[in-house]
Amino acid sequence: MDDNRITRRTLVLGGLALLTSGCSSSWQGMGVPVPSLFGNQSGVDRRYRRQHVRYEGYEAPGTIVVNTMERYLYSIEEGGWATRYGIGVGEEGLTMKGRAVIGRKAEWPAWTPTASMIKRKPHLAQYAGGVSGGPHNPLGASALYLYRGGQDTMFRVHGTNEPWTIGHAVSNGCIRLTNEDIVDLYSRTPVGTEVLII
């Protein structure tokens, strides 16, 4: 597939899969100083840097399309264009598929690991009371909360303090962008935006 296009073929759904999740990765560094929260594209492989690209799919302008295999998120625009962002995705078996809507947005969101995350990674139990928003938080600068049927799925599209993870399957199921990219996407994405994850 051409790196600058998303076609109808890439929008074929492989079925719906929804797992209970919470976001974070093998992220170990709670409290470790972060060299740069913004302008952190330097840690990202060039092919995953934000680009304006042609779009030939069926989704309407204003929709977000997440292609977990390609490791790209597309913010669909008018006239057959999209802004494409590189993303980090969930480890195998920990990725949501199908349709959702942005049910809520937050800047510098707090994070609490879910019970299923703590079961998979017991060291996260120390954060069961939650982690306040800020540079030490694994959700980064902003988060878009994915809902289905009016219910929080526990999946997020969020920032990360680990830009080198963009392009990799490392999280507990959420979609991560660099802090710079999530701030850009956050500014153009209202609550109620439709999301398709393939």
Protein backbone atom coordinates (compact mmCIF):
# COMPACT_ATOMS: atom_id res chain seq x y z
CA MET A 1 0.00 0.00 0.00
CA ASP A 2 1.20 3.49 -0.84
CA ASP A 3 2.37 5.21 2.37
CA ASN A 4 0.41 8.32 1.40
CA ARG A 5 -2.98 6.67 0.91
CA ILE A 6 -5.59 4.73 2.80
CA THR A 7 -7.90 2.79 0.48
CA ARG A 8 -11.22 1.01 0.75
CA ARG A 9 -9.39 -2.34 1.04
CA THR A 10 -7.80 -1.27 4.32
CA LEU A 11 -11.23 -0.56 5.80
CA VAL A 12 -12.42 -4.18 5.77
CA LEU A 13 -13.17 -5.10 9.36
CA GLY A 14 -11.81 -8.30 10.74
CA GLY A 15 -14.61 -8.49 13.32
CA LEU A 16 -15.16 -6.81 16.63
CA ALA A 17 -12.92 -7.45 19.59
CA LEU A 18 -13.24 -5.58 22.84
CA LEU A 19 -11.12 -6.35 25.86
CA THR A 20 -11.11 -4.63 29.20
CA SER A 21 -8.06 -2.42 29.26
CA GLY A 22 -6.66 0.74 30.69
CA CYS A 23 -3.67 2.42 28.96
CA SER A 24 0.03 2.36 29.54
CA SER A 25 2.76 0.17 28.21
CA SER A 26 5.56 -1.80 29.62
CA TRP A 27 6.13 1.73 30.91
CA GLN A 28 8.39 1.45 33.90
CA GLY A 29 9.45 5.03 34.52
CA MET A 30 6.94 6.61 36.86
CA GLY A 31 8.66 9.76 38.01
CA VAL A 32 11.59 9.43 35.62
CA PRO A 33 12.38 12.87 34.15
CA VAL A 34 11.08 13.34 30.64
CA PRO A 35 13.58 15.14 28.37
CA SER A 36 10.93 16.94 26.32
CA LEU A 37 7.16 16.82 26.40
CA PHE A 38 6.66 18.62 23.11
CA GLY A 39 8.69 18.86 19.95
CA ASN A 40 9.50 15.20 20.60
CA GLN A 41 9.24 14.09 16.98
CA SER A 42 13.00 13.49 16.99
CA GLY A 43 12.44 10.16 18.77
CA VAL A 44 9.99 9.00 16.10
CA ASP A 45 10.85 7.08 12.93
CA ARG A 46 10.39 9.50 10.00
CA ARG A 47 7.61 7.41 8.40
CA TYR A 48 5.44 7.89 11.50
CA ARG A 49 5.67 11.68 11.58
CA ARG A 50 2.50 13.67 10.97
CA GLN A 51 1.64 14.19 7.28
CA HIS A 52 -1.18 15.53 5.12
CA VAL A 53 -2.12 12.63 2.79
CA ARG A 54 -4.72 11.63 0.17
CA TYR A 55 -7.67 9.59 1.49
CA GLU A 56 -9.79 7.30 -0.70
CA GLY A 57 -11.95 5.52 1.88
CA TYR A 58 -15.65 5.62 2.66
CA GLU A 59 -15.51 7.44 5.98
CA ALA A 60 -16.96 10.96 6.15
CA PRO A 61 -14.92 14.07 6.90
CA GLY A 62 -14.61 14.51 10.65
CA THR A 63 -14.18 10.77 11.27
CA ILE A 64 -11.07 9.25 12.82
CA VAL A 65 -9.81 6.00 11.26
CA VAL A 66 -7.21 3.99 13.18
CA ASN A 67 -5.33 1.31 11.24
CA THR A 68 -3.57 -0.77 13.89
CA MET A 69 -1.68 -2.92 11.37
CA GLU A 70 -0.19 0.10 9.58
CA ARG A 71 0.32 1.99 12.88
CA TYR A 72 -1.46 5.11 11.55
CA LEU A 73 -4.39 7.23 12.69
CA TYR A 74 -6.19 9.27 10.03
CA SER A 75 -8.21 12.40 10.81
CA ILE A 76 -10.45 12.56 7.72
CA GLU A 77 -10.86 15.95 6.05
CA GLU A 78 -12.87 17.42 3.16
CA GLY A 79 -11.87 16.90 -0.46
CA GLY A 80 -10.25 13.46 -0.18
CA TRP A 81 -7.53 14.41 2.33
CA ALA A 82 -6.55 13.36 5.84
CA THR A 83 -3.98 14.24 8.45
CA ARG A 84 -2.08 11.03 9.21
CA TYR A 85 -0.40 10.45 12.57
CA GLY A 86 1.96 7.65 13.55
CA ILE A 87 0.71 5.66 16.53
CA GLY A 88 1.71 3.03 19.05
CA VAL A 89 -0.88 0.30 19.54
CA GLY A 90 -1.81 -2.46 21.97
CA GLU A 91 0.21 -5.60 22.37
CA GLU A 92 -1.23 -8.63 20.55
CA GLY A 93 -4.73 -9.42 21.78
CA LEU A 94 -5.10 -6.09 23.58
CA THR A 95 -6.54 -3.92 20.83
CA MET A 96 -10.09 -2.71 20.42
CA LYS A 97 -11.63 -3.09 16.94
CA GLY A 98 -14.75 -1.65 15.36
CA ARG A 99 -16.63 1.59 15.89
CA ALA A 100 -16.75 3.97 18.83
CA VAL A 101 -17.24 7.67 19.51
CA ILE A 102 -15.22 10.22 21.43
CA GLY A 103 -17.32 10.42 24.60
CA ARG A 104 -15.03 12.68 26.60
CA LYS A 105 -11.79 14.66 26.31
CA ALA A 106 -9.23 15.66 28.92
CA GLU A 107 -6.03 17.69 29.04
CA TRP A 108 -3.26 16.28 31.26
CA PRO A 109 -5.58 13.43 32.29
CA ALA A 110 -5.23 11.32 35.41
CA TRP A 111 -4.60 7.59 34.96
CA THR A 112 -5.62 4.56 36.99
CA PRO A 113 -4.69 1.03 35.89
CA THR A 114 -7.67 -1.28 35.49
CA ALA A 115 -8.00 -4.54 37.43
CA SER A 116 -7.16 -6.51 34.27
CA MET A 117 -3.97 -4.48 33.75
CA ILE A 118 -2.88 -5.12 37.34
CA LYS A 119 -3.59 -8.83 36.90
CA ARG A 120 -1.35 -8.93 33.78
CA LYS A 121 1.31 -6.68 35.30
CA PRO A 122 1.22 -6.95 39.12
CA HIS A 123 3.82 -4.18 39.60
CA LEU A 124 1.09 -1.71 38.55
CA ALA A 125 -0.78 -2.39 41.81
CA GLN A 126 1.24 0.41 43.40
CA TYR A 127 -0.70 2.85 41.15
CA ALA A 128 -4.17 1.42 41.90
CA GLY A 129 -5.09 4.69 43.63
CA GLY A 130 -4.42 6.59 40.40
CA VAL A 131 -1.73 8.89 39.05
CA SER A 132 -2.50 12.59 38.69
CA GLY A 133 -2.08 14.32 35.34
CA GLY A 134 1.27 15.80 34.40
CA PRO A 135 4.60 14.95 32.77
CA HIS A 136 4.95 11.77 34.85
CA ASN A 137 1.61 10.37 33.65
CA PRO A 138 1.53 7.69 30.91
CA LEU A 139 -1.48 9.31 29.19
CA GLY A 140 0.61 12.33 28.26
CA ALA A 141 -0.71 15.78 27.41
CA SER A 142 -4.26 14.88 26.33
CA ALA A 143 -6.66 11.98 25.98
CA LEU A 144 -9.74 11.20 23.89
CA TYR A 145 -11.98 8.63 25.62
CA LEU A 146 -13.63 5.99 23.44
CA TYR A 147 -17.27 5.14 24.20
CA ARG A 148 -19.75 2.57 22.86
CA GLY A 149 -23.45 2.68 23.62
CA GLY A 150 -22.86 5.57 26.00
CA GLN A 151 -20.38 3.52 28.07
CA ASP A 152 -16.65 4.12 28.52
CA THR A 153 -14.75 1.27 26.84
CA MET A 154 -11.64 2.01 28.95
CA PHE A 155 -9.73 2.52 25.69
CA ARG A 156 -8.14 5.89 24.94
CA VAL A 157 -6.39 7.80 22.19
CA HIS A 158 -3.72 9.61 24.19
CA GLY A 159 -0.25 11.13 24.29
CA THR A 160 2.92 9.49 25.48
CA ASN A 161 6.15 10.50 27.14
CA GLU A 162 7.88 7.70 25.23
CA PRO A 163 7.97 8.88 21.59
CA TRP A 164 10.26 6.00 20.61
CA THR A 165 7.29 3.61 21.08
CA ILE A 166 5.39 5.14 18.14
CA GLY A 167 5.12 2.50 15.39
CA HIS A 168 5.22 -0.38 17.88
CA ALA A 169 2.74 -2.67 19.66
CA VAL A 170 3.55 -1.85 23.28
CA SER A 171 0.49 -0.59 25.16
CA ASN A 172 -2.27 -2.29 27.12
CA GLY A 173 -4.67 -1.63 24.25
CA CYS A 174 -4.86 2.12 23.85
CA ILE A 175 -3.75 4.17 20.87
CA ARG A 176 -0.82 6.49 21.65
CA LEU A 177 0.55 9.48 19.75
CA THR A 178 3.42 11.79 20.57
CA ASN A 179 2.38 14.59 22.92
CA GLU A 180 2.80 17.06 20.06
CA ASP A 181 0.46 15.02 17.84
CA ILE A 182 -2.22 14.36 20.48
CA VAL A 183 -2.41 18.11 21.18
CA ASP A 184 -2.94 18.72 17.44
CA LEU A 185 -5.56 15.96 17.15
CA TYR A 186 -7.27 17.05 20.39
CA SER A 187 -7.70 20.59 19.06
CA ARG A 188 -9.50 19.38 15.92
CA THR A 189 -11.61 16.59 17.47
CA PRO A 190 -14.92 17.42 19.20
CA VAL A 191 -16.76 15.14 21.60
CA GLY A 192 -19.07 12.95 19.50
CA THR A 193 -16.50 12.31 16.75
CA GLU A 194 -16.90 8.87 15.21
CA VAL A 195 -13.92 6.53 15.35
CA LEU A 196 -13.30 3.39 13.29
CA ILE A 197 -10.53 1.07 14.47
CA ILE A 198 -9.40 -1.58 11.98
